[in-house]
Protein backbone atom coordinates (compact mmCIF):
# COMPACT_ATOMS: atom_id res chain seq x y z
CA MET A 1 17.71 -74.55 -167.46
CA PRO A 2 17.49 -72.15 -170.45
CA GLU A 3 14.72 -69.60 -170.79
CA HIS A 4 12.43 -69.21 -173.81
CA SER A 5 9.43 -66.97 -174.47
CA LEU A 6 7.23 -70.03 -173.83
CA GLY A 7 8.85 -70.61 -170.45
CA ARG A 8 11.76 -72.31 -168.74
CA LEU A 9 12.91 -75.25 -170.83
CA ILE A 10 12.97 -78.28 -168.53
CA ALA A 11 13.65 -80.92 -171.22
CA GLY A 12 14.82 -80.76 -174.82
CA THR A 13 17.21 -78.46 -176.62
CA PRO A 14 16.75 -74.73 -177.27
CA GLU A 15 17.35 -75.35 -180.98
CA ALA A 16 14.56 -77.94 -181.27
CA LEU A 17 12.18 -75.72 -179.31
CA ALA A 18 12.99 -72.72 -181.50
CA ARG A 19 12.23 -74.72 -184.64
CA GLY A 20 8.93 -75.93 -183.23
CA ALA A 21 7.94 -72.53 -181.90
CA ASP A 22 8.56 -70.92 -185.30
CA ARG A 23 6.41 -73.53 -187.03
CA PHE A 24 3.68 -73.14 -184.43
CA ALA A 25 3.65 -69.35 -184.76
CA ALA A 26 3.32 -69.64 -188.53
CA GLN A 27 0.40 -72.05 -188.37
CA PRO A 28 -2.98 -70.30 -188.77
CA VAL A 29 -5.72 -70.68 -186.16
CA ASP A 30 -8.71 -72.53 -187.63
CA TRP A 31 -11.11 -71.66 -184.83
CA ASP A 32 -10.49 -69.08 -182.11
CA LEU A 33 -13.04 -69.34 -179.30
CA LEU A 34 -11.18 -67.33 -176.67
CA ASN A 35 -13.51 -64.36 -177.11
CA GLU A 36 -16.58 -66.53 -176.58
CA PRO A 37 -18.18 -66.35 -173.11
CA ALA A 38 -17.63 -69.57 -171.18
CA ALA A 39 -19.67 -70.67 -168.18
CA PRO A 40 -17.38 -71.06 -165.17
CA LEU A 41 -17.04 -74.42 -163.47
CA PRO A 42 -18.77 -74.86 -160.08
CA ALA A 43 -17.11 -73.03 -157.19
CA ARG A 44 -17.47 -76.09 -154.98
CA GLN A 45 -16.14 -79.61 -155.40
CA THR A 46 -18.38 -82.01 -157.29
CA THR A 47 -19.34 -85.64 -157.62
CA LEU A 48 -22.11 -87.64 -159.27
CA GLN A 49 -25.70 -87.61 -158.13
CA LYS A 50 -25.92 -91.38 -158.67
CA SER A 51 -24.11 -94.30 -160.24
CA PHE A 52 -24.33 -95.29 -163.90
CA THR A 53 -22.90 -98.00 -166.16
CA VAL A 54 -21.77 -97.89 -169.78
CA GLU A 55 -20.97 -100.87 -171.98
CA GLY A 56 -19.26 -101.44 -175.31
CA PRO A 57 -16.88 -103.70 -177.24
CA GLY A 58 -13.41 -103.95 -175.76
CA THR A 59 -10.70 -101.62 -176.98
CA PHE A 60 -8.11 -104.39 -177.15
CA PHE A 61 -10.45 -107.40 -177.18
CA ARG A 62 -13.20 -106.51 -179.61
CA ARG A 63 -15.14 -109.75 -179.09
CA LYS A 64 -15.58 -109.03 -175.39
CA MET A 65 -18.17 -106.61 -174.06
CA ARG A 66 -16.69 -104.35 -171.41
CA LYS A 67 -18.42 -102.30 -168.70
CA LEU A 68 -17.48 -99.25 -166.70
CA THR A 69 -19.54 -98.28 -163.65
CA PHE A 70 -19.12 -94.75 -162.26
CA GLU A 71 -19.97 -94.21 -158.59
CA PRO A 72 -20.07 -91.00 -156.51
CA ARG A 73 -17.26 -90.24 -154.06
CA GLU A 74 -17.26 -87.52 -151.44
CA SER A 75 -13.54 -86.77 -151.66
CA GLY A 76 -10.19 -88.06 -152.88
CA GLY A 77 -10.36 -87.39 -156.63
CA TRP A 78 -10.78 -90.10 -159.24
CA TRP A 79 -10.13 -93.77 -158.42
CA ILE A 80 -10.25 -97.02 -160.40
CA GLN A 81 -11.20 -100.40 -158.95
CA ARG A 82 -10.58 -103.68 -160.79
CA ASP A 83 -13.38 -105.84 -159.38
CA ASP A 84 -11.80 -108.95 -160.93
CA GLN A 85 -8.56 -108.39 -158.97
CA THR A 86 -9.88 -109.36 -155.55
CA ASP A 87 -6.50 -109.03 -153.80
CA ALA A 88 -5.75 -105.58 -155.24
CA LEU A 89 -6.73 -102.18 -153.89
CA PRO A 90 -8.30 -99.35 -155.91
CA PHE A 91 -5.74 -96.95 -157.39
CA SER A 92 -5.94 -93.22 -157.92
CA VAL A 93 -5.83 -91.32 -161.19
CA ALA A 94 -2.44 -89.74 -160.57
CA ALA A 95 0.89 -89.16 -162.29
CA ARG A 96 2.59 -91.54 -159.85
CA ASN A 97 0.43 -94.41 -161.13
CA VAL A 98 1.23 -94.08 -164.84
CA TRP A 99 2.68 -97.39 -166.01
CA THR A 100 3.31 -96.63 -169.69
CA THR A 101 2.13 -94.45 -172.57
CA GLY A 102 2.25 -97.29 -175.09
CA ASP A 103 4.40 -98.02 -178.09
CA VAL A 104 2.63 -99.22 -181.25
CA VAL A 105 -0.73 -98.20 -179.76
CA SER A 106 -0.18 -94.91 -177.92
CA ASN A 107 -2.31 -94.73 -174.77
CA ILE A 108 -2.04 -93.93 -171.08
CA VAL A 109 -2.01 -97.01 -168.85
CA LEU A 110 -2.51 -96.61 -165.10
CA ARG A 111 -1.44 -99.31 -162.64
CA ALA A 112 -0.69 -99.73 -158.94
CA GLY A 113 0.22 -102.68 -156.77
CA PRO A 114 0.01 -106.13 -158.40
CA LEU A 115 1.06 -106.47 -162.04
CA HIS A 116 -2.46 -107.05 -163.35
CA ASN A 117 -4.07 -104.20 -161.40
CA TYR A 118 -4.18 -101.78 -164.37
CA LEU A 119 -6.49 -100.04 -166.84
CA ARG A 120 -5.40 -99.26 -170.40
CA MET A 121 -6.49 -96.41 -172.69
CA VAL A 122 -7.66 -94.36 -169.70
CA GLU A 123 -7.18 -90.99 -171.41
CA HIS A 124 -10.64 -90.82 -173.02
CA ILE A 125 -12.18 -91.51 -169.63
CA ILE A 126 -10.20 -89.41 -167.19
CA ALA A 127 -10.09 -86.33 -169.46
CA LEU A 128 -13.69 -85.72 -168.39
CA LYS A 129 -12.48 -84.97 -164.86
CA ILE A 130 -11.04 -81.70 -166.20
CA GLY A 131 -13.40 -81.05 -169.09
CA LEU A 132 -16.59 -81.42 -167.05
CA GLY A 133 -15.26 -80.24 -163.68
CA LEU A 134 -16.09 -83.57 -162.02
CA ASP A 135 -13.82 -83.84 -158.99
CA HIS A 136 -14.56 -87.17 -157.28
CA VAL A 137 -15.49 -90.51 -158.88
CA LEU A 138 -14.89 -94.23 -158.35
CA ILE A 139 -14.80 -96.27 -161.56
CA HIS A 140 -15.45 -100.02 -161.37
CA THR A 141 -14.20 -102.31 -164.12
CA GLU A 142 -13.80 -106.08 -164.46
CA ALA A 143 -10.94 -105.90 -166.97
CA GLY A 144 -7.92 -103.81 -167.86
CA ASP A 145 -9.49 -103.28 -171.27
CA PRO A 146 -12.09 -100.45 -171.40
CA PRO A 147 -14.92 -100.13 -173.92
CA LEU A 148 -14.19 -98.47 -177.26
CA PHE A 149 -17.19 -96.47 -178.41
CA ALA A 150 -18.13 -95.47 -181.94
CA ARG A 151 -18.89 -91.94 -180.67
CA GLY A 152 -15.59 -91.18 -178.96
CA SER A 153 -16.36 -90.44 -175.30
CA LEU A 154 -19.86 -89.09 -175.88
CA ASP A 155 -21.40 -92.21 -174.30
CA LEU A 156 -19.55 -91.36 -171.09
CA VAL A 157 -20.57 -87.71 -171.21
CA GLU A 158 -24.21 -88.67 -171.69
CA GLY A 159 -23.96 -91.11 -168.79
CA ILE A 160 -22.62 -88.36 -166.54
CA GLU A 161 -25.34 -85.98 -167.70
CA LYS A 162 -28.07 -88.52 -166.94
CA ALA A 163 -26.59 -89.37 -163.56
CA GLY A 164 -26.24 -85.67 -162.73
CA ILE A 165 -23.45 -83.71 -161.07
CA ARG A 166 -23.93 -82.43 -157.53
CA GLN A 167 -21.88 -79.93 -155.60
CA LEU A 168 -20.34 -80.77 -152.26
CA ASP A 169 -19.75 -78.49 -149.30
CA ALA A 170 -16.00 -78.16 -149.80
CA PRO A 171 -14.75 -75.34 -152.05
CA ALA A 172 -13.01 -76.31 -155.28
CA GLN A 173 -9.23 -76.59 -155.03
CA TRP A 174 -7.40 -74.89 -157.90
CA TRP A 175 -3.73 -75.36 -158.77
CA THR A 176 -1.46 -73.75 -161.30
CA VAL A 177 2.24 -73.74 -162.17
CA THR A 178 4.70 -71.57 -160.30
CA GLU A 179 6.19 -70.23 -163.56
CA PRO A 180 5.94 -70.82 -167.33
CA VAL A 181 7.62 -74.12 -168.27
CA VAL A 182 8.05 -75.98 -171.55
CA MET A 183 9.34 -79.32 -172.81
CA ALA A 184 10.39 -80.09 -176.39
CA THR A 185 11.30 -83.15 -178.44
CA PRO A 186 14.04 -83.40 -181.07
CA SER A 187 11.37 -83.13 -183.80
CA GLY A 188 10.25 -79.70 -182.52
CA ALA A 189 7.05 -80.87 -180.84
CA PHE A 190 6.53 -79.05 -177.55
CA LEU A 191 4.17 -78.61 -174.62
CA ALA A 192 4.13 -75.46 -172.50
CA LEU A 193 2.27 -74.55 -169.30
CA ALA A 194 1.88 -71.04 -167.90
CA PRO A 195 0.27 -69.77 -164.69
CA CYS A 196 -3.32 -68.56 -164.65
CA ARG A 197 -3.30 -64.81 -165.38
CA SER A 198 -6.96 -64.02 -164.66
CA ALA A 199 -8.56 -63.03 -161.37
CA THR A 200 -10.78 -66.12 -161.46
CA PRO A 201 -9.52 -69.61 -162.31
CA GLU A 202 -9.73 -70.68 -165.94
CA LEU A 203 -7.90 -73.04 -168.27
CA LYS A 204 -7.00 -71.79 -171.75
CA LEU A 205 -5.68 -74.04 -174.52
CA ASP A 206 -3.90 -73.23 -177.76
CA CYS A 207 -3.46 -76.56 -179.49
CA ALA A 208 -2.08 -77.41 -182.92
CA VAL A 209 -1.50 -80.65 -184.81
CA ASP A 210 0.42 -81.08 -188.04
CA PHE A 211 0.21 -84.43 -189.83
CA PRO A 212 1.81 -85.47 -193.14
CA ASN A 213 -1.50 -86.84 -194.42
CA ALA A 214 -5.12 -85.79 -194.99
CA LEU A 215 -5.40 -84.51 -191.40
CA GLY A 216 -2.86 -81.79 -192.21
CA GLN A 217 -2.60 -78.73 -190.01
CA GLN A 218 -5.31 -77.98 -187.45
CA ARG A 219 -5.25 -75.40 -184.64
CA ILE A 220 -7.85 -74.23 -182.12
CA ARG A 221 -7.89 -71.88 -179.13
CA PHE A 222 -10.51 -72.06 -176.38
CA ARG A 223 -11.32 -72.00 -172.68
CA VAL A 224 -12.12 -75.41 -171.22
CA ASN A 225 -15.76 -75.74 -170.22
CA PRO A 226 -18.40 -78.50 -170.12
CA ALA A 227 -20.19 -77.39 -173.29
CA LEU A 228 -17.06 -77.56 -175.45
CA THR A 229 -16.03 -80.79 -173.75
CA ARG A 230 -19.35 -82.32 -174.73
CA TYR A 231 -18.91 -81.08 -178.29
CA ALA A 232 -15.36 -82.44 -178.56
CA SER A 233 -16.14 -85.75 -176.85
CA GLU A 234 -17.41 -87.20 -180.14
CA ALA A 235 -13.93 -86.85 -181.69
CA ARG A 236 -12.33 -90.23 -182.36
CA THR A 237 -8.75 -91.39 -182.20
CA ASN A 238 -7.14 -90.94 -185.60
CA THR A 239 -4.74 -93.26 -187.34
CA PRO A 240 -2.87 -93.15 -190.64
CA LEU A 241 -3.98 -95.68 -193.22
CA TRP A 242 -0.66 -97.53 -193.00
CA LYS A 243 -1.09 -98.15 -189.27
CA MET A 244 -4.63 -99.45 -189.77
CA PHE A 245 -3.26 -101.80 -192.43
CA TYR A 246 -0.43 -102.81 -190.08
CA CYS A 247 -2.87 -103.60 -187.25
CA GLN A 248 -4.97 -105.79 -189.53
CA THR A 249 -1.99 -107.71 -190.95
CA ILE A 250 1.49 -107.94 -189.38
CA GLY A 251 0.21 -106.48 -186.11
CA LYS A 252 -1.84 -109.62 -185.48
CA LEU A 253 1.41 -111.36 -184.58
CA PHE A 254 1.76 -109.17 -181.48
CA ALA A 255 -0.31 -109.36 -178.31
CA ASP A 256 -0.75 -105.58 -177.99
CA VAL A 257 -2.38 -105.35 -181.41
CA ARG A 258 -3.79 -108.78 -182.19
CA ASN A 259 -7.34 -108.15 -181.04
CA LEU A 260 -7.38 -104.36 -181.28
CA GLY A 261 -10.97 -103.29 -181.73
CA TYR A 262 -10.43 -100.54 -184.29
CA THR A 263 -13.13 -100.26 -186.95
CA THR A 264 -14.08 -97.67 -189.55
CA GLU A 265 -16.72 -96.47 -187.08
CA ASN A 266 -14.70 -95.92 -183.92
CA ILE A 267 -11.53 -94.33 -185.36
CA LEU A 268 -10.76 -91.74 -188.02
CA ILE A 269 -8.59 -93.13 -190.81
CA ALA A 270 -6.47 -90.73 -192.84
CA GLY A 271 -4.66 -91.55 -196.05
CA ARG A 272 -2.03 -89.36 -197.62
CA THR A 273 -4.51 -87.12 -199.46
CA LYS A 274 -7.97 -88.15 -198.27
CA TYR A 275 -9.96 -89.63 -195.43
CA TYR A 276 -11.10 -93.25 -195.67
CA ASN A 277 -14.18 -92.65 -193.55
CA ALA A 278 -16.25 -89.57 -192.86
CA PRO A 279 -14.57 -87.04 -190.53
CA ARG A 280 -16.56 -85.20 -187.86
CA LEU A 281 -16.61 -81.78 -186.18
CA PRO A 282 -16.32 -79.53 -189.23
CA HIS A 283 -15.79 -75.78 -188.98
CA ALA A 284 -15.65 -73.42 -191.93
CA GLY A 285 -15.60 -76.37 -194.31
CA LYS A 286 -12.73 -78.19 -192.59
CA SER A 287 -12.85 -81.12 -190.17
CA LEU A 288 -11.17 -80.33 -186.86
CA GLU A 289 -11.86 -83.74 -185.34
CA ALA A 290 -8.17 -84.56 -184.87
CA VAL A 291 -7.28 -81.39 -182.97
CA TRP A 292 -10.41 -81.54 -180.81
CA HIS A 293 -9.53 -85.10 -179.89
CA ARG A 294 -5.95 -84.14 -179.17
CA SER A 295 -6.82 -81.13 -177.02
CA VAL A 296 -9.80 -82.42 -175.02
CA LEU A 297 -9.61 -86.22 -174.90
CA ASP A 298 -5.82 -86.62 -174.86
CA LEU A 299 -4.18 -83.51 -173.41
CA LEU A 300 -6.74 -82.94 -170.65
CA ALA A 301 -6.23 -86.56 -169.59
CA ALA A 302 -2.64 -85.77 -168.67
CA ILE A 303 -3.79 -82.68 -166.75
CA ALA A 304 -6.23 -84.96 -164.89
CA LEU A 305 -3.18 -86.74 -163.46
CA ILE A 306 -2.68 -83.70 -161.20
CA GLU A 307 -4.48 -85.27 -158.26
CA GLU A 308 -4.61 -82.38 -155.79
CA GLY A 309 -7.47 -80.59 -157.57
CA ARG A 310 -8.39 -78.69 -160.71
CA PHE A 311 -5.75 -77.03 -162.86
CA CYS A 312 -5.95 -73.46 -164.12
CA GLY A 313 -3.59 -71.61 -166.41
CA GLU A 314 -2.59 -71.66 -170.06
CA ILE A 315 -1.49 -74.65 -172.14
CA THR A 316 0.20 -74.45 -175.52
CA SER A 317 0.64 -77.70 -177.43
CA PHE A 318 2.29 -78.30 -180.81
CA LYS A 319 2.45 -81.82 -182.24
CA ALA A 320 2.72 -83.27 -178.72
CA GLY A 321 1.40 -86.66 -177.61
CA HIS A 322 0.82 -88.83 -174.56
CA HIS A 323 4.48 -89.42 -173.78
CA LEU A 324 5.37 -85.72 -173.70
CA ASP A 325 2.14 -84.83 -171.85
CA VAL A 326 2.73 -87.31 -169.05
CA ARG A 327 6.44 -86.56 -168.85
CA LEU A 328 5.77 -82.87 -168.30
CA VAL A 329 3.16 -83.50 -165.59
CA CYS A 330 5.61 -85.79 -163.81
CA GLN A 331 8.29 -83.09 -163.98
CA LEU A 332 5.91 -80.62 -162.32
CA TYR A 333 6.06 -82.84 -159.24
CA ARG A 334 9.76 -83.62 -159.56
CA HIS A 335 10.69 -79.91 -159.64
CA GLY A 336 7.99 -78.63 -157.26
CA LEU A 337 6.33 -76.52 -159.96
CA LEU A 338 2.73 -76.68 -158.72
CA ARG A 339 1.13 -74.19 -156.33
CA LYS A 340 -2.35 -73.36 -155.12
CA PHE A 341 -4.11 -70.63 -157.07
């Protein structure tokens, strides 16, 4: 496997990675928060103080109201239970349970056991495991279709805040990679992980997106912590105008898209030169909603698939998406690239 300054290349070509790395290096940083003090996550493992329920229109069936109920667990990480699948067991939030990362509608789908024992669009839910340092949770649902909120994942964050987080007796378990590794696509998109270099565990992100529309180039650098996770949780999924038009017309012929609950409130719609609804999370006169969503609600969801504990280290992402994220996490297990910190 060839070496690169970003790490050992475990998938993709050196030429594609070099092109992407050059473009990434040339892209300016819109907001650098690495010098800001960040409160460390609890030193002990955590769970909820009490249960709570959130409700909203379905992501894929907008005319159905969907509920998620979060319950405390004492150990075992995050689990999902389909209460409507009475012959199916709960399944863990883990790389081994990823079913697909979608096609027309990109999303992480987890499934285990029977065919219908799944939950779609889990990324905006499970990312909070990493972002908030919440180690153990059981999520009840009565459908494979989760709620789609107008405020991103802020409803979930507020539910967790109201329920409260309590520390358990067991110390937190931290994991990192054994060496720097990177994966690249033919387009030059890449995702790189490096070991934690500090004396205490922390997770640093350098994340960039580059869209050929009004979203344009966006790049942020920060340490993951609950305060920034709360801030970023309001960031919505973004879609180009053509895909929104597709979903509302030709897409209605296909089951995956027919009832998709996208509205001008719950997603960010970008045309070639302008937004078609108001963007959020501005900084220095520029909306960074897309890159906050990518870094916190999408990328951290893939890191949440590391089931042994919390992850610490450094992540560099350029134009990556769910498929590359999940593929890299799976390769960490395949090649034995995880170790305790």
